[in-house]
C-alpha atoms as a PDB file:
ATOM      1  CA  MET A   1     -11.427 -41.371  33.709  1.00  0.00           C
ATOM      2  CA  LYS A   2     -11.754 -37.527  32.409  1.00  0.00           C
ATOM      3  CA  LYS A   3     -13.197 -36.362  29.135  1.00  0.00           C
ATOM      4  CA  TYR A   4     -11.226 -33.797  27.356  1.00  0.00           C
ATOM      5  CA  LYS A   5     -12.268 -31.712  24.065  1.00  0.00           C
ATOM      6  CA  VAL A   6      -9.631 -30.964  21.433  1.00  0.00           C
ATOM      7  CA  LEU A   7      -9.538 -27.669  19.677  1.00  0.00           C
ATOM      8  CA  GLY A   8     -10.283 -28.664  16.366  1.00  0.00           C
ATOM      9  CA  GLY A   9     -12.646 -31.568  16.940  1.00  0.00           C
ATOM     10  CA  GLY A  10     -12.394 -34.744  18.748  1.00  0.00           C
ATOM     11  CA  GLU A  11     -12.744 -35.948  22.316  1.00  0.00           C
ATOM     12  CA  ILE A  12     -10.524 -38.107  24.248  1.00  0.00           C
ATOM     13  CA  ASN A  13     -11.178 -39.903  27.341  1.00  0.00           C
ATOM     14  CA  ALA A  14      -7.985 -40.398  29.532  1.00  0.00           C
ATOM     15  CA  SER A  15      -7.161 -41.455  33.296  1.00  0.00           C
ATOM     16  CA  SER A  16      -3.701 -39.646  33.063  1.00  0.00           C
ATOM     17  CA  PHE A  17      -1.837 -36.901  31.058  1.00  0.00           C
ATOM     18  CA  LEU A  18       0.403 -39.515  29.793  1.00  0.00           C
ATOM     19  CA  SER A  19      -2.581 -41.312  28.407  1.00  0.00           C
ATOM     20  CA  LEU A  20      -4.343 -37.939  26.987  1.00  0.00           C
ATOM     21  CA  VAL A  21      -0.762 -36.906  25.407  1.00  0.00           C
ATOM     22  CA  THR A  22      -0.508 -40.743  23.896  1.00  0.00           C
ATOM     23  CA  GLN A  23      -3.770 -40.667  22.436  1.00  0.00           C
ATOM     24  CA  MET A  24      -3.267 -37.187  20.947  1.00  0.00           C
ATOM     25  CA  GLN A  25      -0.200 -38.328  19.243  1.00  0.00           C
ATOM     26  CA  GLU A  26      -2.218 -41.435  17.975  1.00  0.00           C
ATOM     27  CA  GLN A  27      -5.020 -39.460  16.569  1.00  0.00           C
ATOM     28  CA  SER A  28      -2.713 -36.826  14.975  1.00  0.00           C
ATOM     29  CA  PHE A  29      -2.390 -36.476  11.109  1.00  0.00           C
ATOM     30  CA  THR A  30       1.407 -35.360  11.650  1.00  0.00           C
ATOM     31  CA  PRO A  31       3.935 -38.118  11.883  1.00  0.00           C
ATOM     32  CA  SER A  32       6.121 -38.407  15.008  1.00  0.00           C
ATOM     33  CA  SER A  33       8.804 -40.454  16.090  1.00  0.00           C
ATOM     34  CA  ASP A  34       8.028 -40.586  19.741  1.00  0.00           C
ATOM     35  CA  LEU A  35       5.935 -38.803  22.336  1.00  0.00           C
ATOM     36  CA  PRO A  36       8.338 -36.036  23.117  1.00  0.00           C
ATOM     37  CA  ASP A  37       8.919 -35.299  19.467  1.00  0.00           C
ATOM     38  CA  PHE A  38       5.196 -35.089  18.976  1.00  0.00           C
ATOM     39  CA  MET A  39       4.900 -32.328  22.068  1.00  0.00           C
ATOM     40  CA  ARG A  40       7.437 -30.176  20.483  1.00  0.00           C
ATOM     41  CA  GLN A  41       5.845 -30.057  17.028  1.00  0.00           C
ATOM     42  CA  VAL A  42       2.442 -29.315  18.828  1.00  0.00           C
ATOM     43  CA  ALA A  43       4.323 -26.576  20.811  1.00  0.00           C
ATOM     44  CA  ASP A  44       5.939 -25.160  17.820  1.00  0.00           C
ATOM     45  CA  ARG A  45       2.353 -24.954  16.193  1.00  0.00           C
ATOM     46  CA  CYS A  46       0.852 -23.369  19.007  1.00  0.00           C
ATOM     47  CA  MET A  47       3.622 -20.613  19.130  1.00  0.00           C
ATOM     48  CA  ILE A  48       3.339 -19.928  15.298  1.00  0.00           C
ATOM     49  CA  GLN A  49      -0.749 -19.906  15.706  1.00  0.00           C
ATOM     50  CA  ARG A  50      -1.227 -18.046  18.847  1.00  0.00           C
ATOM     51  CA  GLY A  51       2.140 -16.971  20.310  1.00  0.00           C
ATOM     52  CA  SER A  52       1.552 -19.680  22.875  1.00  0.00           C
ATOM     53  CA  VAL A  53       4.250 -20.944  25.156  1.00  0.00           C
ATOM     54  CA  ILE A  54       3.648 -24.759  25.522  1.00  0.00           C
ATOM     55  CA  ARG A  55       6.016 -26.548  28.057  1.00  0.00           C
ATOM     56  CA  THR A  56       7.436 -29.981  26.520  1.00  0.00           C
ATOM     57  CA  ASP A  57       9.436 -31.302  29.901  1.00  0.00           C
ATOM     58  CA  SER A  58       6.427 -33.417  30.927  1.00  0.00           C
ATOM     59  CA  THR A  59       2.914 -34.725  29.766  1.00  0.00           C
ATOM     60  CA  GLU A  60       1.389 -33.102  32.619  1.00  0.00           C
ATOM     61  CA  ASN A  61       2.995 -29.467  31.825  1.00  0.00           C
ATOM     62  CA  PHE A  62       2.250 -29.907  28.212  1.00  0.00           C
ATOM     63  CA  ALA A  63      -1.526 -30.488  28.615  1.00  0.00           C
ATOM     64  CA  GLN A  64      -1.974 -28.005  31.479  1.00  0.00           C
ATOM     65  CA  ASP A  65      -0.488 -25.345  28.895  1.00  0.00           C
ATOM     66  CA  LEU A  66      -2.710 -26.541  26.163  1.00  0.00           C
ATOM     67  CA  MET A  67      -5.593 -26.024  28.456  1.00  0.00           C
ATOM     68  CA  ALA A  68      -4.267 -22.791  29.738  1.00  0.00           C
ATOM     69  CA  ASN A  69      -4.191 -21.665  26.168  1.00  0.00           C
ATOM     70  CA  GLY A  70      -7.529 -22.885  24.771  1.00  0.00           C
ATOM     71  CA  PHE A  71      -6.147 -25.791  22.712  1.00  0.00           C
ATOM     72  CA  LEU A  72      -7.798 -28.650  24.781  1.00  0.00           C
ATOM     73  CA  GLU A  73     -10.601 -28.291  27.540  1.00  0.00           C
ATOM     74  CA  GLN A  74     -11.654 -30.970  30.239  1.00  0.00           C
ATOM     75  CA  VAL A  75     -15.529 -31.286  29.960  1.00  0.00           C
END
């Protein structure tokens, strides 16, 4: 189990990237129809906020890009 700190507040304990991203979706204030939709919405916001390119082809790439761009931190 790993602990992650989300930019803007909150911590998540997750054993996999799928679990991490699923919990992020569940805690989000933005409605989304499914996990790929959630990841696309987050990636769009990251691009607008900081010009960050966040891949959405897998939960692993998505989480790694969020960490590389300072939106998510493993603690």
